[in-house]
Protein backbone atom coordinates (compact mmCIF):
# COMPACT_ATOMS: atom_id res chain seq x y z
CA PHE A 1 -30.60 23.04 -149.03
CA ILE A 2 -27.18 24.28 -149.07
CA ASP A 3 -24.63 22.58 -146.37
CA ASP A 4 -21.05 21.36 -146.37
CA ASP A 5 -21.77 18.55 -144.23
CA GLU A 6 -23.31 15.55 -145.97
CA ILE A 7 -24.75 13.68 -142.98
CA ASP A 8 -26.97 17.12 -142.44
CA GLN A 9 -28.12 16.72 -146.05
CA LEU A 10 -29.22 12.70 -145.87
CA PHE A 11 -30.66 14.17 -142.68
CA TYR A 12 -32.47 17.43 -143.76
CA ARG A 13 -33.74 15.02 -147.10
CA ARG A 14 -35.17 12.25 -145.95
CA ASN A 15 -37.07 13.84 -142.67
CA ILE A 16 -38.68 16.40 -145.04
CA VAL A 17 -39.80 13.85 -147.35
CA GLN A 18 -40.80 12.30 -145.15
CA ALA A 19 -42.50 14.42 -143.78
CA GLY A 20 -44.59 15.32 -147.22
CA MET A 21 -43.19 18.64 -147.58
CA ILE A 22 -41.78 18.93 -150.77
CA ASP A 23 -41.86 17.76 -154.36
CA LYS A 24 -38.23 18.13 -155.82
CA SER A 25 -35.18 19.28 -153.42
CA PHE A 26 -32.23 20.63 -154.52
CA HIS A 27 -28.69 20.14 -152.78
CA PHE A 28 -25.56 22.52 -152.76
CA PHE A 29 -22.28 21.51 -150.40
CA LYS A 30 -21.25 25.24 -151.41
CA ALA A 31 -22.71 27.68 -151.63
CA GLU A 32 -20.85 29.51 -154.89
CA GLU A 33 -22.56 26.47 -156.55
CA ALA A 34 -26.25 26.94 -154.90
CA LEU A 35 -25.83 31.05 -155.95
CA ASP A 36 -23.88 30.43 -159.77
CA PHE A 37 -27.90 27.99 -159.70
CA VAL A 38 -30.05 30.82 -158.76
CA ASN A 39 -28.16 32.97 -161.15
CA SER A 40 -28.30 30.82 -164.47
CA GLY A 41 -32.14 31.82 -164.84
CA ASN A 42 -33.20 28.33 -164.96
CA CYS A 43 -33.60 28.30 -161.16
CA PRO A 44 -37.70 27.53 -160.31
CA GLU A 45 -39.17 29.34 -157.41
CA ILE A 46 -38.36 28.09 -154.51
CA ASP A 47 -40.61 27.84 -151.12
CA VAL A 48 -37.56 27.85 -148.69
CA VAL A 49 -33.99 27.20 -149.12
CA VAL A 50 -32.35 25.57 -145.71
CA LEU A 51 -28.94 27.53 -145.38
CA ASP A 52 -25.86 26.32 -143.09
CA VAL A 53 -23.97 29.60 -141.59
CA ARG A 54 -20.59 28.20 -141.15
CA MET A 55 -19.14 26.55 -144.33
CA PRO A 56 -15.91 26.80 -146.15
CA GLY A 57 -15.54 29.59 -148.67
CA MET A 58 -18.90 31.06 -149.44
CA ASP A 59 -20.66 31.35 -146.15
CA GLY A 60 -23.96 31.84 -145.22
CA PHE A 61 -23.34 35.48 -144.47
CA GLU A 62 -21.94 35.98 -148.09
CA PHE A 63 -25.15 34.04 -149.73
CA LEU A 64 -27.43 35.98 -147.98
CA LYS A 65 -25.53 39.24 -149.21
CA ARG A 66 -25.41 37.62 -152.66
CA LEU A 67 -28.97 36.43 -153.35
CA ALA A 68 -29.52 40.04 -152.01
CA GLU A 69 -28.49 41.54 -154.73
CA SER A 70 -29.42 39.01 -157.49
CA SER A 71 -31.65 39.85 -159.88
CA GLN A 72 -32.80 36.58 -159.52
CA ARG A 73 -33.72 37.17 -156.18
CA HIS A 74 -37.53 36.76 -156.36
CA ALA A 75 -36.55 33.15 -157.27
CA ILE A 76 -36.27 32.36 -153.41
CA ARG A 77 -39.72 32.90 -151.29
CA ALA A 78 -38.05 31.85 -147.93
CA VAL A 79 -34.29 31.74 -146.52
CA ALA A 80 -34.07 29.13 -143.14
CA VAL A 81 -30.74 29.48 -141.30
CA MET A 82 -29.70 26.54 -139.65
CA MET A 83 -27.08 27.18 -136.53
CA THR A 84 -24.93 24.54 -134.58
CA VAL A 85 -24.37 27.15 -132.11
CA PRO A 86 -26.11 30.54 -132.01
CA LEU A 87 -25.41 33.48 -133.70
CA SER A 88 -23.92 37.42 -131.90
CA GLU A 89 -26.83 39.64 -131.88
CA HIS A 90 -24.03 41.60 -134.83
CA ASP A 91 -24.32 38.00 -136.87
CA LYS A 92 -28.01 38.27 -137.14
CA ALA A 93 -28.80 41.91 -137.19
CA GLN A 94 -26.09 41.33 -140.46
CA MET A 95 -27.92 38.40 -141.88
CA SER A 96 -31.23 40.44 -141.15
CA ALA A 97 -30.64 43.50 -143.19
CA SER A 98 -31.89 42.48 -146.52
CA ASP A 99 -35.20 41.99 -147.26
CA LEU A 100 -34.89 38.43 -147.42
CA ALA A 101 -35.23 38.10 -143.66
CA PRO A 102 -33.82 34.78 -142.41
CA THR A 103 -35.29 32.73 -140.45
CA PHE A 104 -32.73 31.20 -137.85
CA LEU A 105 -33.72 27.65 -136.76
CA ASN A 106 -30.97 25.73 -134.24
CA LYS A 107 -29.30 22.28 -135.80
CA PRO A 108 -30.75 19.60 -135.89
CA LEU A 109 -33.84 20.47 -138.38
CA ASP A 110 -37.02 20.88 -136.84
CA ILE A 111 -39.69 19.56 -138.93
CA GLU A 112 -42.23 21.56 -137.66
CA LYS A 113 -40.49 24.85 -137.23
CA LEU A 114 -39.10 24.65 -141.22
CA ARG A 115 -42.97 23.90 -141.79
CA GLU A 116 -43.61 26.80 -139.99
CA VAL A 117 -41.22 28.72 -142.50
CA ALA A 118 -42.65 27.47 -145.68
CA ILE A 119 -46.63 28.52 -144.40
CA SER A 120 -45.12 31.86 -143.41
CA ALA A 121 -43.91 32.41 -147.28
CA GLU A 122 -47.11 31.47 -149.05
């Protein structure tokens, strides 16, 4: 999970664990920290990254751009981009331009839609 909002992080964790979807999760309040983790070479394979778009510092757009350029990109199987407000078509096109092909979901997180993203990544 990459989201600068602590309440959203708690919501994600609680609901996804209750749904039995994960064994292990990683939580980052800053996209830079998540990218450093992926690039460290110690990152296990991750089924789905839940990514907030609007964050201070590195936002979701920049995170996806840098992740797509990373030699460790293979560690990430799917990206679910969480949005408070709908993105413009330009923003969606910009984020979809990489081979990461993110899935766009609205906040609050819908567990069943996230489950679909995880299944499609298999």
